[in-house]
Amino acid sequence: MIAEILISALLVIGGLFGVIGSYGLVKLPDQMTRLHAPTKAATLGVGGVLLASLAWFAFFGEHPSWHELLITLFLFVTAPITGLMIAKSHMHLSWRADELPDCGEDQNWATYGASAERSLVGNGTENDSTDRDMRE
């Protein structure tokens, strides 16, 4: 009885997070705020459903299945990193370095500082205003 309640609670919580994440993806105003919905809420929703599946197999299956745990760990590690990479790509495609909030004295954004100038992508020779005007 307690196992069924636990599994049901995990499914309901996972479903609620999934609905909230989907609603946020549709209703939030711009790309950067919309990015938070699938990387945060929907990740927890899928994680809740996978944990419910793990609990079901542990309590009612012939033997426990650890596949769901591995999938959940993989999801919790990769989804935030994917969101970070999408956000950095958006910053490079849409914003100039002077449009970003101030990081403080002697600090730069990691995607616009000296390390970005040494990278293969941004070698500092392009004309940012021309590239930005062409993208708009």
N, C-alpha and C. Protein backbone atom coordinates (compact mmCIF):
# COMPACT_ATOMS: atom_id res chain seq x y z
N MET A 1 0.82 -1.20 0.00
CA MET A 1 0.00 0.00 0.00
C MET A 1 0.87 1.26 0.00
N ILE A 2 1.90 1.30 0.84
CA ILE A 2 2.77 2.47 0.90
C ILE A 2 3.56 2.60 -0.40
N ALA A 3 3.98 1.47 -0.96
CA ALA A 3 4.71 1.49 -2.22
C ALA A 3 3.85 2.06 -3.35
N GLU A 4 2.59 1.67 -3.39
CA GLU A 4 1.69 2.20 -4.42
C GLU A 4 1.48 3.70 -4.26
N ILE A 5 1.38 4.17 -3.02
CA ILE A 5 1.23 5.61 -2.78
C ILE A 5 2.49 6.36 -3.21
N LEU A 6 3.65 5.81 -2.89
CA LEU A 6 4.91 6.43 -3.29
C LEU A 6 5.03 6.52 -4.81
N ILE A 7 4.73 5.43 -5.49
CA ILE A 7 4.80 5.41 -6.95
C ILE A 7 3.80 6.39 -7.55
N SER A 8 2.59 6.40 -7.02
CA SER A 8 1.57 7.34 -7.51
C SER A 8 1.99 8.78 -7.29
N ALA A 9 2.57 9.07 -6.12
CA ALA A 9 3.02 10.43 -5.83
C ALA A 9 4.13 10.86 -6.78
N LEU A 10 5.07 9.96 -7.05
CA LEU A 10 6.14 10.28 -7.99
C LEU A 10 5.60 10.54 -9.39
N LEU A 11 4.61 9.75 -9.81
CA LEU A 11 4.01 9.97 -11.13
C LEU A 11 3.26 11.29 -11.20
N VAL A 12 2.52 11.62 -10.14
CA VAL A 12 1.76 12.88 -10.15
C VAL A 12 2.72 14.07 -10.11
N ILE A 13 3.74 14.00 -9.26
CA ILE A 13 4.71 15.09 -9.19
C ILE A 13 5.45 15.24 -10.52
N GLY A 14 5.85 14.12 -11.11
CA GLY A 14 6.50 14.17 -12.42
C GLY A 14 5.60 14.74 -13.49
N GLY A 15 4.33 14.36 -13.46
CA GLY A 15 3.37 14.90 -14.42
C GLY A 15 3.16 16.40 -14.24
N LEU A 16 3.08 16.85 -12.99
CA LEU A 16 2.92 18.28 -12.73
C LEU A 16 4.12 19.08 -13.23
N PHE A 17 5.32 18.58 -12.94
CA PHE A 17 6.51 19.27 -13.44
C PHE A 17 6.53 19.28 -14.97
N GLY A 18 6.12 18.20 -15.59
CA GLY A 18 6.08 18.16 -17.05
C GLY A 18 5.09 19.16 -17.62
N VAL A 19 3.92 19.28 -17.01
CA VAL A 19 2.91 20.25 -17.47
C VAL A 19 3.41 21.68 -17.26
N ILE A 20 4.00 21.94 -16.10
CA ILE A 20 4.52 23.28 -15.82
C ILE A 20 5.64 23.64 -16.80
N GLY A 21 6.53 22.70 -17.07
CA GLY A 21 7.60 22.94 -18.03
C GLY A 21 7.08 23.19 -19.44
N SER A 22 6.07 22.44 -19.85
CA SER A 22 5.49 22.63 -21.17
C SER A 22 4.77 23.96 -21.27
N TYR A 23 4.05 24.33 -20.22
CA TYR A 23 3.35 25.61 -20.19
C TYR A 23 4.35 26.76 -20.25
N GLY A 24 5.43 26.64 -19.49
CA GLY A 24 6.46 27.68 -19.52
C GLY A 24 7.13 27.79 -20.87
N LEU A 25 7.33 26.69 -21.54
CA LEU A 25 7.94 26.71 -22.86
C LEU A 25 7.08 27.47 -23.85
N VAL A 26 5.78 27.37 -23.70
CA VAL A 26 4.86 28.04 -24.62
C VAL A 26 4.61 29.50 -24.24
N LYS A 27 4.50 29.79 -22.95
CA LYS A 27 4.03 31.09 -22.51
C LYS A 27 5.10 32.11 -22.14
N LEU A 28 6.31 31.70 -21.86
CA LEU A 28 7.31 32.68 -21.47
C LEU A 28 7.68 33.56 -22.65
N PRO A 29 8.07 34.81 -22.42
CA PRO A 29 8.13 35.80 -23.49
C PRO A 29 9.29 35.69 -24.48
N ASP A 30 10.49 35.34 -24.05
CA ASP A 30 11.60 35.33 -25.00
C ASP A 30 12.40 34.04 -24.88
N GLN A 31 13.39 33.89 -25.75
CA GLN A 31 14.12 32.63 -25.84
C GLN A 31 14.88 32.29 -24.56
N MET A 32 15.50 33.27 -23.94
CA MET A 32 16.31 32.99 -22.76
C MET A 32 15.45 32.59 -21.56
N THR A 33 14.28 33.18 -21.39
CA THR A 33 13.41 32.75 -20.29
C THR A 33 12.71 31.44 -20.63
N ARG A 34 12.42 31.22 -21.91
CA ARG A 34 11.81 29.95 -22.31
C ARG A 34 12.75 28.78 -22.12
N LEU A 35 14.03 29.05 -22.10
CA LEU A 35 15.02 28.00 -21.93
C LEU A 35 14.93 27.35 -20.55
N HIS A 36 14.50 28.10 -19.54
CA HIS A 36 14.44 27.56 -18.19
C HIS A 36 13.37 26.48 -18.03
N ALA A 37 12.28 26.59 -18.75
CA ALA A 37 11.18 25.64 -18.58
C ALA A 37 11.59 24.20 -18.91
N PRO A 38 12.14 23.92 -20.08
CA PRO A 38 12.49 22.52 -20.35
C PRO A 38 13.71 22.03 -19.58
N THR A 39 14.66 22.92 -19.28
CA THR A 39 15.86 22.45 -18.59
C THR A 39 15.64 22.25 -17.10
N LYS A 40 14.67 22.92 -16.53
CA LYS A 40 14.44 22.78 -15.09
C LYS A 40 13.22 21.91 -14.80
N ALA A 41 12.06 22.42 -15.13
CA ALA A 41 10.81 21.75 -14.74
C ALA A 41 10.59 20.43 -15.48
N ALA A 42 10.80 20.43 -16.77
CA ALA A 42 10.56 19.20 -17.52
C ALA A 42 11.58 18.12 -17.16
N THR A 43 12.80 18.52 -16.83
CA THR A 43 13.80 17.54 -16.39
C THR A 43 13.35 16.87 -15.10
N LEU A 44 12.83 17.65 -14.17
CA LEU A 44 12.32 17.06 -12.94
C LEU A 44 11.09 16.20 -13.20
N GLY A 45 10.28 16.57 -14.18
CA GLY A 45 9.11 15.75 -14.53
C GLY A 45 9.50 14.39 -15.06
N VAL A 46 10.41 14.37 -15.99
CA VAL A 46 10.87 13.09 -16.54
C VAL A 46 11.59 12.29 -15.46
N GLY A 47 12.36 12.99 -14.62
CA GLY A 47 13.05 12.31 -13.52
C GLY A 47 12.08 11.67 -12.55
N GLY A 48 10.96 12.34 -12.25
CA GLY A 48 9.95 11.77 -11.36
C GLY A 48 9.31 10.52 -11.94
N VAL A 49 9.02 10.54 -13.21
CA VAL A 49 8.43 9.37 -13.87
C VAL A 49 9.42 8.21 -13.89
N LEU A 50 10.69 8.51 -14.17
CA LEU A 50 11.69 7.45 -14.17
C LEU A 50 11.91 6.86 -12.78
N LEU A 51 11.89 7.71 -11.76
CA LEU A 51 12.02 7.20 -10.39
C LEU A 51 10.81 6.36 -9.99
N ALA A 52 9.62 6.74 -10.47
CA ALA A 52 8.43 5.93 -10.21
C ALA A 52 8.57 4.56 -10.88
N SER A 53 9.10 4.54 -12.09
CA SER A 53 9.33 3.26 -12.77
C SER A 53 10.35 2.41 -12.02
N LEU A 54 11.40 3.06 -11.54
CA LEU A 54 12.41 2.35 -10.75
C LEU A 54 11.78 1.75 -9.49
N ALA A 55 10.93 2.54 -8.81
CA ALA A 55 10.28 2.04 -7.60
C ALA A 55 9.31 0.90 -7.91
N TRP A 56 8.59 1.00 -9.03
CA TRP A 56 7.64 -0.06 -9.38
C TRP A 56 8.37 -1.39 -9.59
N PHE A 57 9.47 -1.34 -10.36
CA PHE A 57 10.22 -2.57 -10.59
C PHE A 57 10.84 -3.11 -9.30
N ALA A 58 11.23 -2.20 -8.40
CA ALA A 58 11.82 -2.65 -7.14
C ALA A 58 10.79 -3.33 -6.25
N PHE A 59 9.55 -2.81 -6.23
CA PHE A 59 8.53 -3.35 -5.35
C PHE A 59 7.70 -4.47 -5.98
N PHE A 60 7.36 -4.35 -7.26
CA PHE A 60 6.41 -5.28 -7.87
C PHE A 60 6.99 -6.12 -9.00
N GLY A 61 8.13 -5.77 -9.51
CA GLY A 61 8.72 -6.52 -10.61
C GLY A 61 9.42 -7.78 -10.12
N GLU A 62 9.87 -8.58 -11.05
CA GLU A 62 10.60 -9.80 -10.68
C GLU A 62 11.94 -9.47 -10.06
N HIS A 63 12.57 -8.42 -10.56
CA HIS A 63 13.84 -7.97 -10.00
C HIS A 63 13.95 -6.47 -10.25
N PRO A 64 14.73 -5.77 -9.43
CA PRO A 64 14.87 -4.33 -9.64
C PRO A 64 15.59 -4.02 -10.95
N SER A 65 15.17 -2.97 -11.60
CA SER A 65 15.79 -2.53 -12.85
C SER A 65 16.56 -1.24 -12.58
N TRP A 66 17.84 -1.26 -12.87
CA TRP A 66 18.67 -0.09 -12.63
C TRP A 66 18.80 0.79 -13.86
N HIS A 67 18.18 0.39 -14.96
CA HIS A 67 18.24 1.20 -16.18
C HIS A 67 17.65 2.58 -15.95
N GLU A 68 16.53 2.64 -15.23
CA GLU A 68 15.87 3.92 -14.99
C GLU A 68 16.75 4.85 -14.17
N LEU A 69 17.46 4.30 -13.20
CA LEU A 69 18.36 5.12 -12.39
C LEU A 69 19.48 5.70 -13.25
N LEU A 70 20.04 4.89 -14.12
CA LEU A 70 21.10 5.37 -15.00
C LEU A 70 20.58 6.43 -15.97
N ILE A 71 19.37 6.23 -16.50
CA ILE A 71 18.77 7.22 -17.40
C ILE A 71 18.52 8.52 -16.64
N THR A 72 18.03 8.43 -15.41
CA THR A 72 17.77 9.61 -14.60
C THR A 72 19.06 10.38 -14.32
N LEU A 73 20.11 9.68 -13.93
CA LEU A 73 21.39 10.34 -13.68
C LEU A 73 21.93 11.00 -14.95
N PHE A 74 21.83 10.31 -16.06
CA PHE A 74 22.28 10.87 -17.33
C PHE A 74 21.48 12.12 -17.67
N LEU A 75 20.17 12.08 -17.47
CA LEU A 75 19.31 13.22 -17.75
C LEU A 75 19.64 14.40 -16.86
N PHE A 76 19.84 14.16 -15.57
CA PHE A 76 20.15 15.25 -14.64
C PHE A 76 21.52 15.87 -14.90
N VAL A 77 22.42 15.12 -15.50
CA VAL A 77 23.73 15.67 -15.81
C VAL A 77 23.71 16.40 -17.16
N THR A 78 23.06 15.83 -18.15
CA THR A 78 23.16 16.40 -19.50
C THR A 78 22.19 17.55 -19.77
N ALA A 79 21.01 17.55 -19.18
CA ALA A 79 20.04 18.62 -19.49
C ALA A 79 20.53 20.00 -19.07
N PRO A 80 21.09 20.20 -17.89
CA PRO A 80 21.60 21.54 -17.57
C PRO A 80 22.77 21.97 -18.46
N ILE A 81 23.62 21.03 -18.82
CA ILE A 81 24.75 21.36 -19.69
C ILE A 81 24.24 21.75 -21.08
N THR A 82 23.24 21.05 -21.57
CA THR A 82 22.65 21.40 -22.86
C THR A 82 22.03 22.79 -22.80
N GLY A 83 21.31 23.09 -21.71
CA GLY A 83 20.73 24.42 -21.56
C GLY A 83 21.80 25.50 -21.53
N LEU A 84 22.91 25.23 -20.87
CA LEU A 84 24.01 26.18 -20.82
C LEU A 84 24.58 26.43 -22.21
N MET A 85 24.77 25.37 -22.98
CA MET A 85 25.32 25.53 -24.32
C MET A 85 24.36 26.29 -25.25
N ILE A 86 23.07 26.03 -25.11
CA ILE A 86 22.09 26.77 -25.91
C ILE A 86 22.11 28.25 -25.53
N ALA A 87 22.20 28.54 -24.22
CA ALA A 87 22.25 29.93 -23.77
C ALA A 87 23.50 30.64 -24.28
N LYS A 88 24.64 29.96 -24.24
CA LYS A 88 25.87 30.58 -24.74
C LYS A 88 25.80 30.83 -26.25
N SER A 89 25.21 29.90 -26.97
CA SER A 89 25.03 30.09 -28.42
C SER A 89 24.14 31.30 -28.68
N HIS A 90 23.08 31.42 -27.92
CA HIS A 90 22.19 32.56 -28.07
C HIS A 90 22.92 33.86 -27.76
N MET A 91 23.75 33.86 -26.74
CA MET A 91 24.52 35.06 -26.42
C MET A 91 25.44 35.46 -27.57
N HIS A 92 26.10 34.49 -28.17
CA HIS A 92 27.02 34.80 -29.27
C HIS A 92 26.29 35.27 -30.51
N LEU A 93 25.11 34.72 -30.76
CA LEU A 93 24.39 35.07 -31.98
C LEU A 93 23.60 36.37 -31.85
N SER A 94 23.23 36.75 -30.63
CA SER A 94 22.30 37.85 -30.47
C SER A 94 22.86 39.08 -29.76
N TRP A 95 23.85 38.93 -28.93
CA TRP A 95 24.32 40.04 -28.10
C TRP A 95 25.77 40.37 -28.38
N ARG A 96 26.11 41.64 -28.20
CA ARG A 96 27.50 42.06 -28.20
C ARG A 96 27.99 42.07 -26.76
N ALA A 97 29.29 42.06 -26.58
CA ALA A 97 29.85 42.01 -25.23
C ALA A 97 29.46 43.22 -24.40
N ASP A 98 29.31 44.39 -25.02
CA ASP A 98 28.95 45.59 -24.25
C ASP A 98 27.47 45.60 -23.84
N GLU A 99 26.65 44.71 -24.38
CA GLU A 99 25.23 44.64 -24.00
C GLU A 99 24.99 43.75 -22.78
N LEU A 100 25.98 43.00 -22.37
CA LEU A 100 25.83 42.08 -21.25
C LEU A 100 25.94 42.83 -19.92
N PRO A 101 25.31 42.31 -18.86
CA PRO A 101 25.46 42.94 -17.54
C PRO A 101 26.92 42.94 -17.09
N ASP A 102 27.26 43.93 -16.27
CA ASP A 102 28.62 44.06 -15.77
C ASP A 102 28.94 42.92 -14.81
N CYS A 103 30.08 42.28 -15.01
CA CYS A 103 30.51 41.16 -14.15
C CYS A 103 31.32 41.62 -12.96
N GLY A 104 31.74 42.84 -12.95
CA GLY A 104 32.60 43.34 -11.88
C GLY A 104 33.96 43.68 -12.42
N GLU A 105 34.74 44.31 -11.57
CA GLU A 105 36.06 44.74 -11.99
C GLU A 105 36.98 43.55 -12.23
N ASP A 106 37.75 43.61 -13.29
CA ASP A 106 38.73 42.57 -13.66
C ASP A 106 38.09 41.22 -13.95
N GLN A 107 36.82 41.20 -14.34
CA GLN A 107 36.16 39.94 -14.69
C GLN A 107 35.44 40.11 -16.02
N ASN A 108 35.35 39.04 -16.76
CA ASN A 108 34.64 39.03 -18.04
C ASN A 108 33.69 37.85 -18.08
N TRP A 109 32.74 37.92 -18.98
CA TRP A 109 31.93 36.75 -19.27
C TRP A 109 32.84 35.74 -19.95
N ALA A 110 32.70 34.48 -19.62
CA ALA A 110 33.59 33.45 -20.15
C ALA A 110 33.51 33.35 -21.67
N THR A 111 32.37 33.69 -22.24
CA THR A 111 32.23 33.57 -23.68
C THR A 111 32.70 34.81 -24.43
N TYR A 112 33.09 35.87 -23.71
CA TYR A 112 33.52 37.10 -24.37
C TYR A 112 34.88 37.59 -23.92
N GLY A 113 35.52 36.93 -22.99
CA GLY A 113 36.80 37.39 -22.46
C GLY A 113 37.97 36.99 -23.31
N ALA A 114 39.15 37.02 -22.72
CA ALA A 114 40.37 36.68 -23.44
C ALA A 114 40.37 35.23 -23.89
N SER A 115 39.73 34.34 -23.12
CA SER A 115 39.70 32.94 -23.51
C SER A 115 38.88 32.74 -24.78
N ALA A 116 37.85 33.55 -24.97
CA ALA A 116 37.04 33.45 -26.19
C ALA A 116 37.82 33.94 -27.40
N GLU A 117 38.69 34.89 -27.21
CA GLU A 117 39.48 35.39 -28.32
C GLU A 117 40.51 34.35 -28.78
N ARG A 118 40.92 33.49 -27.87
CA ARG A 118 41.89 32.44 -28.22
C ARG A 118 41.23 31.20 -28.79
N SER A 119 39.91 31.12 -28.72
CA SER A 119 39.23 29.91 -29.16
C SER A 119 39.19 29.83 -30.68
N LEU A 120 38.78 28.70 -31.18
CA LEU A 120 38.68 28.51 -32.63
C LEU A 120 37.52 29.27 -33.23
N VAL A 121 36.47 29.49 -32.44
CA VAL A 121 35.27 30.13 -32.97
C VAL A 121 35.46 31.62 -33.10
N GLY A 122 35.86 32.28 -32.05
CA GLY A 122 35.99 33.74 -32.08
C GLY A 122 37.43 34.16 -31.96
N ASN A 123 38.05 34.54 -33.09
CA ASN A 123 39.45 34.94 -33.03
C ASN A 123 39.62 36.45 -32.93
N GLY A 124 38.52 37.19 -32.79
CA GLY A 124 38.59 38.62 -32.57
C GLY A 124 38.80 39.44 -33.82
N THR A 125 38.81 38.84 -35.00
CA THR A 125 39.05 39.60 -36.23
C THR A 125 37.77 40.01 -36.93
N GLU A 126 36.65 39.47 -36.53
CA GLU A 126 35.41 39.79 -37.21
C GLU A 126 34.91 41.15 -36.76
N ASN A 127 34.09 41.76 -37.60
CA ASN A 127 33.45 43.02 -37.25
C ASN A 127 32.11 42.69 -36.63
N ASP A 128 31.98 42.87 -35.31
CA ASP A 128 30.77 42.45 -34.58
C ASP A 128 29.55 43.21 -35.06
N SER A 129 29.66 44.50 -35.33
CA SER A 129 28.47 45.25 -35.71
C SER A 129 27.93 44.80 -37.06
N THR A 130 28.81 44.49 -38.00
CA THR A 130 28.35 44.01 -39.31
C THR A 130 27.67 42.65 -39.18
N ASP A 131 28.28 41.75 -38.41
CA ASP A 131 27.69 40.42 -38.23
C ASP A 131 26.34 40.53 -37.53
N ARG A 132 26.23 41.40 -36.53
CA ARG A 132 24.98 41.54 -35.80
C ARG A 132 23.90 42.13 -36.70
N ASP A 133 24.25 43.13 -37.52
CA ASP A 133 23.26 43.73 -38.40
C ASP A 133 22.73 42.72 -39.41
N MET A 134 23.58 41.82 -39.89
CA MET A 134 23.15 40.83 -40.85
C MET A 134 22.23 39.81 -40.21
N ARG A 135 22.40 39.52 -38.90
CA ARG A 135 21.55 38.55 -38.22
C ARG A 135 20.18 39.11 -37.90
N GLU A 136 20.06 40.40 -37.75
CA GLU A 136 18.77 41.00 -37.36
C GLU A 136 17.85 41.10 -38.50
